[in-house]
């Protein structure tokens, strides 16, 4: 980002000093914008700031992998996912939507009580998240941070952007909130793909220590026979990992906890919404028995 700012400044000065060069300066600025836009559309890119696409080297050397599960909690799916994880003595990281954590508080509590972690996946999972300006983007992340912290008693340490898409405003917001951006090593496109074998193949082909894998309990996809993909894929995935000598762990367990953590501050200028007030404002609705069908924009 600093290089981009310098380029814009240099182009402005160059145009003032040598007006005939303005087409070249404009071209350089346009090319810079294309690079930034392309980086935002590439979820695993680190051009816009640090991005976890794999676990730290020491975790990889221990044979650890991270199974990450997005878009929940979902009452008709998540409890069954938790049971499968228990059966295989595996831990997972749930990237949860803030307003769903507020709606299904007991389920969020259960995720944490069973040894898994809940991380920040924004407040509403907006399809246009990557087009937000700095203030609205900060508000989406801050509200989810407040509600998850207040309801579970655990402060999220990681953030994953909706669909993995972002823009240059995200990294400064994450820095102010002491959050780390996490994408993935491989994802099975399980909200789009209707074949469990294909999803499993994508996730396990060449899998090794340090990999971050992505599935969905929210917006869960279904097979052609109507069964939930994650419930067909997850037990087979965990068995492959076990046979390969790999251990699923939470993202936060791989951090060096001996290092002092930066204290998070409000990312939104002006009075900050407290975690307690966010929790009290969250609706406590009963679990909806309907299971959302696959939704392409939420991959």
Protein backbone atom coordinates (compact mmCIF):
# COMPACT_ATOMS: atom_id res chain seq x y z
CA UNK A 1 0.00 0.00 0.00
CA UNK A 2 2.82 2.45 0.80
CA UNK A 3 4.30 1.78 -2.63
CA UNK A 4 0.92 2.55 -4.20
CA UNK A 5 0.70 5.86 -2.34
CA UNK A 6 4.22 6.77 -3.44
CA UNK A 7 3.38 5.92 -7.04
CA UNK A 8 0.32 8.18 -7.00
CA UNK A 9 2.32 11.00 -5.44
CA UNK A 10 5.16 10.53 -7.92
CA UNK A 11 2.75 10.54 -10.84
CA UNK A 12 1.21 13.78 -9.63
CA UNK A 13 4.56 15.47 -9.19
CA UNK A 14 5.82 14.12 -12.51
CA UNK A 15 2.78 15.48 -14.33
CA UNK A 16 3.31 18.93 -12.78
CA UNK A 17 7.02 19.00 -13.60
CA UNK A 18 6.80 17.41 -17.06
CA UNK A 19 3.24 17.90 -18.40
CA UNK A 20 3.93 16.05 -21.69
CA UNK A 21 4.48 12.87 -19.66
CA UNK A 22 0.91 12.84 -18.34
CA UNK A 23 -0.24 9.84 -20.51
CA UNK A 24 2.59 7.73 -19.06
CA UNK A 25 1.78 8.84 -15.54
CA UNK A 26 -1.89 8.07 -16.03
CA UNK A 27 -1.03 4.64 -17.40
CA UNK A 28 1.14 3.86 -14.37
CA UNK A 29 -1.66 4.84 -11.99
CA UNK A 30 -4.22 2.81 -13.97
CA UNK A 31 -1.92 -0.24 -13.91
CA UNK A 32 -1.52 0.17 -10.16
CA UNK A 33 -5.30 0.19 -9.70
CA UNK A 34 -5.60 -2.98 -11.77
CA UNK A 35 -3.03 -4.71 -9.57
CA UNK A 36 -4.89 -3.67 -6.41
CA UNK A 37 -8.23 -4.82 -7.82
CA UNK A 38 -6.77 -8.12 -8.93
CA UNK A 39 -5.24 -8.67 -5.50
CA UNK A 40 -8.61 -8.14 -3.84
CA UNK A 41 -10.21 -10.70 -6.16
CA UNK A 42 -7.51 -13.27 -5.35
CA UNK A 43 -8.32 -14.48 -1.81
CA UNK A 44 -4.91 -16.07 -1.22
CA UNK A 45 -2.96 -12.96 -2.24
CA UNK A 46 -0.71 -11.21 0.26
CA UNK A 47 -0.22 -8.07 -1.85
CA UNK A 48 -2.77 -6.14 0.25
CA UNK A 49 -1.30 -7.24 3.59
CA UNK A 50 -0.36 -10.35 5.60
CA UNK A 51 -2.56 -13.35 4.86
CA UNK A 52 -2.49 -16.81 6.41
CA UNK A 53 -2.67 -19.31 3.54
CA UNK A 54 -1.00 -22.01 5.61
CA UNK A 55 -0.03 -22.63 9.23
CA UNK A 56 3.31 -21.53 10.70
CA UNK A 57 6.31 -23.71 9.87
CA UNK A 58 6.57 -25.26 13.33
CA UNK A 59 2.91 -26.33 13.21
CA UNK A 60 3.44 -27.81 9.77
CA UNK A 61 6.47 -29.73 11.05
CA UNK A 62 4.29 -31.21 13.81
CA UNK A 63 1.88 -32.49 11.18
CA UNK A 64 -0.89 -30.08 12.15
CA UNK A 65 -3.60 -28.93 9.76
CA UNK A 66 -6.54 -26.56 10.22
CA UNK A 67 -10.08 -27.52 9.26
CA UNK A 68 -12.01 -24.26 8.99
CA UNK A 69 -15.79 -24.12 8.71
CA UNK A 70 -17.56 -20.99 7.47
CA UNK A 71 -20.87 -19.11 7.54
CA UNK A 72 -22.49 -20.61 10.65
CA UNK A 73 -23.59 -21.33 13.17
CA UNK A 74 -26.48 -23.24 11.60
CA UNK A 75 -28.73 -25.17 14.04
CA UNK A 76 -29.66 -27.90 11.54
CA UNK A 77 -26.02 -28.59 10.58
CA UNK A 78 -23.48 -27.39 13.15
CA UNK A 79 -24.45 -29.79 16.00
CA UNK A 80 -23.94 -32.74 13.67
CA UNK A 81 -20.59 -31.32 12.57
CA UNK A 82 -19.55 -31.02 16.22
CA UNK A 83 -20.44 -34.66 16.84
CA UNK A 84 -18.34 -35.77 13.87
CA UNK A 85 -15.38 -33.75 15.11
CA UNK A 86 -15.71 -35.32 18.57
CA UNK A 87 -15.85 -38.82 17.09
CA UNK A 88 -12.52 -38.21 15.36
CA UNK A 89 -10.95 -36.26 18.25
CA UNK A 90 -10.41 -33.32 15.92
CA UNK A 91 -10.56 -29.59 16.57
CA UNK A 92 -11.80 -27.01 14.07
CA UNK A 93 -11.99 -23.27 13.58
CA UNK A 94 -15.46 -21.86 12.89
CA UNK A 95 -15.51 -18.55 11.03
CA UNK A 96 -18.92 -17.35 12.19
CA UNK A 97 -21.18 -14.53 11.06
CA UNK A 98 -21.74 -12.11 13.95
CA UNK A 99 -25.50 -11.78 13.64
CA UNK A 100 -25.88 -15.57 13.54
CA UNK A 101 -23.84 -15.90 16.71
CA UNK A 102 -26.28 -13.45 18.30
CA UNK A 103 -29.26 -15.43 17.02
CA UNK A 104 -27.94 -18.86 18.06
CA UNK A 105 -26.10 -18.06 21.28
CA UNK A 106 -26.33 -21.51 22.85
CA UNK A 107 -24.88 -23.11 19.75
CA UNK A 108 -22.01 -20.62 19.74
CA UNK A 109 -21.37 -21.49 23.40
CA UNK A 110 -21.34 -25.18 22.54
CA UNK A 111 -18.75 -24.71 19.79
CA UNK A 112 -16.35 -23.12 22.26
CA UNK A 113 -17.17 -25.49 25.13
CA UNK A 114 -16.30 -28.47 22.94
CA UNK A 115 -12.79 -27.15 22.37
CA UNK A 116 -13.13 -25.42 19.02
CA UNK A 117 -12.61 -21.74 18.24
CA UNK A 118 -14.90 -19.10 16.79
CA UNK A 119 -13.33 -16.42 14.63
CA UNK A 120 -14.66 -13.32 12.88
CA UNK A 121 -16.40 -13.68 9.49
CA UNK A 122 -17.99 -10.17 9.59
CA UNK A 123 -21.33 -9.17 11.07
CA UNK A 124 -23.64 -9.84 8.10
CA UNK A 125 -21.56 -11.58 5.38
CA UNK A 126 -22.41 -8.93 2.81
CA UNK A 127 -22.00 -9.98 -0.80
CA UNK A 128 -20.52 -6.54 -1.53
CA UNK A 129 -18.14 -6.52 1.46
CA UNK A 130 -15.11 -5.97 -0.78
CA UNK A 131 -16.62 -2.72 -2.13
CA UNK A 132 -17.09 -1.10 1.30
CA UNK A 133 -15.22 2.03 2.32
CA UNK A 134 -13.01 2.07 5.43
CA UNK A 135 -15.68 3.21 7.91
CA UNK A 136 -18.38 0.71 6.87
CA UNK A 137 -15.86 -2.11 6.59
CA UNK A 138 -14.55 -1.34 10.07
CA UNK A 139 -18.10 -1.29 11.42
CA UNK A 140 -18.89 -4.73 9.94
CA UNK A 141 -15.82 -6.25 11.53
CA UNK A 142 -16.07 -4.38 14.85
CA UNK A 143 -19.71 -5.38 15.39
CA UNK A 144 -18.92 -9.05 14.83
CA UNK A 145 -15.89 -8.77 17.09
CA UNK A 146 -18.01 -7.26 19.87
CA UNK A 147 -20.88 -9.73 19.64
CA UNK A 148 -18.69 -12.85 19.39
CA UNK A 149 -16.55 -11.69 22.32
CA UNK A 150 -19.51 -10.84 24.53
CA UNK A 151 -21.47 -14.02 23.81
CA UNK A 152 -18.66 -16.60 23.89
CA UNK A 153 -16.29 -14.86 26.30
CA UNK A 154 -13.44 -15.35 23.81
CA UNK A 155 -12.04 -12.55 21.64
CA UNK A 156 -11.55 -13.56 17.99
CA UNK A 157 -7.95 -13.49 16.79
CA UNK A 158 -8.55 -14.14 13.08
CA UNK A 159 -10.73 -12.66 10.36
CA UNK A 160 -11.83 -14.17 7.06
CA UNK A 161 -13.48 -11.90 4.50
CA UNK A 162 -16.82 -12.96 2.99
CA UNK A 163 -15.98 -15.08 -0.07
CA UNK A 164 -12.35 -14.18 0.66
CA UNK A 165 -12.70 -10.90 -1.26
CA UNK A 166 -11.30 -7.65 0.10
CA UNK A 167 -9.84 -4.26 -0.79
CA UNK A 168 -6.92 -2.10 0.41
CA UNK A 169 -8.96 -0.71 3.33
CA UNK A 170 -9.06 -4.07 5.13
CA UNK A 171 -5.50 -4.41 6.37
CA UNK A 172 -5.45 -1.16 8.42
CA UNK A 173 -8.76 -2.15 10.06
CA UNK A 174 -7.39 -5.58 11.02
CA UNK A 175 -4.24 -4.00 12.43
CA UNK A 176 -6.27 -1.70 14.68
CA UNK A 177 -8.32 -4.66 15.94
CA UNK A 178 -5.29 -6.97 16.39
CA UNK A 179 -6.83 -9.45 13.94
CA UNK A 180 -4.97 -11.69 11.48
CA UNK A 181 -6.37 -12.31 8.01
CA UNK A 182 -6.77 -16.02 7.24
CA UNK A 183 -7.70 -17.49 3.88
CA UNK A 184 -6.91 -21.13 3.04
CA UNK A 185 -4.55 -23.54 1.34
CA UNK A 186 -7.39 -25.31 -0.46
CA UNK A 187 -11.18 -25.21 -0.52
CA UNK A 188 -13.59 -27.76 -1.88
CA UNK A 189 -16.17 -25.30 -3.27
CA UNK A 190 -18.71 -27.26 -1.26
CA UNK A 191 -21.43 -24.63 -1.63
CA UNK A 192 -21.28 -25.12 -5.42
CA UNK A 193 -20.10 -28.67 -6.03
CA UNK A 194 -22.80 -31.35 -5.71
CA UNK A 195 -20.44 -34.34 -5.67
CA UNK A 196 -18.91 -35.32 -2.31
CA UNK A 197 -16.14 -37.33 -3.98
CA UNK A 198 -14.96 -34.30 -5.95
CA UNK A 199 -15.00 -32.04 -2.88
CA UNK A 200 -13.05 -34.63 -0.89
CA UNK A 201 -10.56 -35.05 -3.72
CA UNK A 202 -9.86 -31.33 -3.92
CA UNK A 203 -9.28 -31.13 -0.16
CA UNK A 204 -7.11 -34.23 0.19
CA UNK A 205 -5.04 -34.31 -3.01
CA UNK A 206 -1.51 -33.61 -1.83
CA UNK A 207 -2.66 -32.58 1.64
CA UNK A 208 0.21 -32.05 4.08
CA UNK A 209 1.10 -30.51 7.41
CA UNK A 210 0.38 -26.79 7.54
CA UNK A 211 -2.61 -26.85 5.20
CA UNK A 212 -5.71 -24.79 5.95
CA UNK A 213 -8.85 -26.47 4.58
CA UNK A 214 -12.26 -24.85 4.02
CA UNK A 215 -15.79 -26.26 4.32
CA UNK A 216 -19.19 -24.68 5.13
CA UNK A 217 -21.83 -25.42 7.76
CA UNK A 218 -23.77 -22.26 6.86
CA UNK A 219 -25.15 -22.07 3.31
CA UNK A 220 -24.39 -25.79 3.24
CA UNK A 221 -24.39 -27.38 -0.19
CA UNK A 222 -26.24 -30.58 -0.97
CA UNK A 223 -25.40 -33.61 -3.05
CA UNK A 224 -27.55 -34.61 -6.03
CA UNK A 225 -29.36 -37.01 -3.66
CA UNK A 226 -30.20 -34.16 -1.27
CA UNK A 227 -27.83 -34.94 1.60
CA UNK A 228 -25.65 -32.25 3.12
CA UNK A 229 -22.19 -32.21 1.55
CA UNK A 230 -20.29 -31.32 4.69
CA UNK A 231 -21.79 -34.29 6.56
CA UNK A 232 -20.67 -36.64 3.78
CA UNK A 233 -17.24 -35.09 3.26
CA UNK A 234 -16.11 -34.28 6.81
CA UNK A 235 -15.88 -37.82 8.29
CA UNK A 236 -14.02 -39.07 5.22
CA UNK A 237 -11.72 -36.05 5.30
CA UNK A 238 -10.92 -36.61 8.98
CA UNK A 239 -10.17 -40.27 8.29
CA UNK A 240 -7.76 -39.37 5.46
CA UNK A 241 -6.01 -36.87 7.75
CA UNK A 242 -5.71 -39.49 10.49
CA UNK A 243 -4.29 -42.11 8.12
CA UNK A 244 -1.81 -39.51 6.84
CA UNK A 245 -0.57 -38.78 10.36
CA UNK A 246 -2.05 -35.28 10.36
CA UNK A 247 -3.79 -33.69 13.34
CA UNK A 248 -6.58 -31.10 12.91
CA UNK A 249 -6.09 -28.18 15.32
CA UNK A 250 -7.50 -24.68 15.69
CA UNK A 251 -5.75 -21.77 14.01
CA UNK A 252 -5.18 -19.98 17.30
CA UNK A 253 -3.47 -22.99 18.85
CA UNK A 254 -0.63 -22.61 16.33
CA UNK A 255 0.21 -19.07 17.40
CA UNK A 256 3.26 -18.40 19.54
CA UNK A 257 1.44 -17.46 22.73
CA UNK A 258 4.70 -16.37 24.39
CA UNK A 259 4.62 -13.22 22.27
CA UNK A 260 2.68 -10.27 23.69
CA UNK A 261 -0.53 -9.59 21.80
CA UNK A 262 -1.39 -6.08 20.69
CA UNK A 263 -4.38 -4.65 22.52
CA UNK A 264 -7.31 -4.24 20.12
CA UNK A 265 -8.82 -0.79 19.79
CA UNK A 266 -11.96 0.48 18.16
CA UNK A 267 -11.58 0.52 14.40
CA UNK A 268 -14.37 3.03 13.90
CA UNK A 269 -13.72 6.70 14.71
CA UNK A 270 -16.01 8.07 17.38
CA UNK A 271 -17.69 6.28 20.30
CA UNK A 272 -17.22 2.53 20.09
CA UNK A 273 -20.08 0.12 20.57
CA UNK A 274 -19.35 -1.98 23.64
CA UNK A 275 -19.36 -5.76 23.53
CA UNK A 276 -22.02 -5.85 26.20
CA UNK A 277 -24.35 -3.54 24.32
CA UNK A 278 -23.79 -5.53 21.15
CA UNK A 279 -24.73 -8.70 22.98
CA UNK A 280 -27.88 -7.23 24.48
CA UNK A 281 -28.95 -5.92 21.10
CA UNK A 282 -28.52 -9.29 19.37
CA UNK A 283 -31.83 -11.07 18.82
CA UNK A 284 -32.31 -14.37 20.65
CA UNK A 285 -34.47 -16.16 18.11
CA UNK A 286 -35.38 -19.83 18.17
CA UNK A 287 -33.49 -22.16 15.88
CA UNK A 288 -34.86 -22.27 12.38
CA UNK A 289 -35.33 -25.89 11.33
CA UNK A 290 -34.93 -25.02 7.67
CA UNK A 291 -31.50 -25.56 6.19
CA UNK A 292 -30.38 -22.92 3.69
CA UNK A 293 -29.63 -24.32 0.28
CA UNK A 294 -26.39 -23.69 -1.60
CA UNK A 295 -25.65 -20.05 -2.34
CA UNK A 296 -22.93 -19.36 -4.85
CA UNK A 297 -21.93 -15.87 -3.60
CA UNK A 298 -21.08 -17.27 -0.15
CA UNK A 299 -18.27 -19.57 -1.22
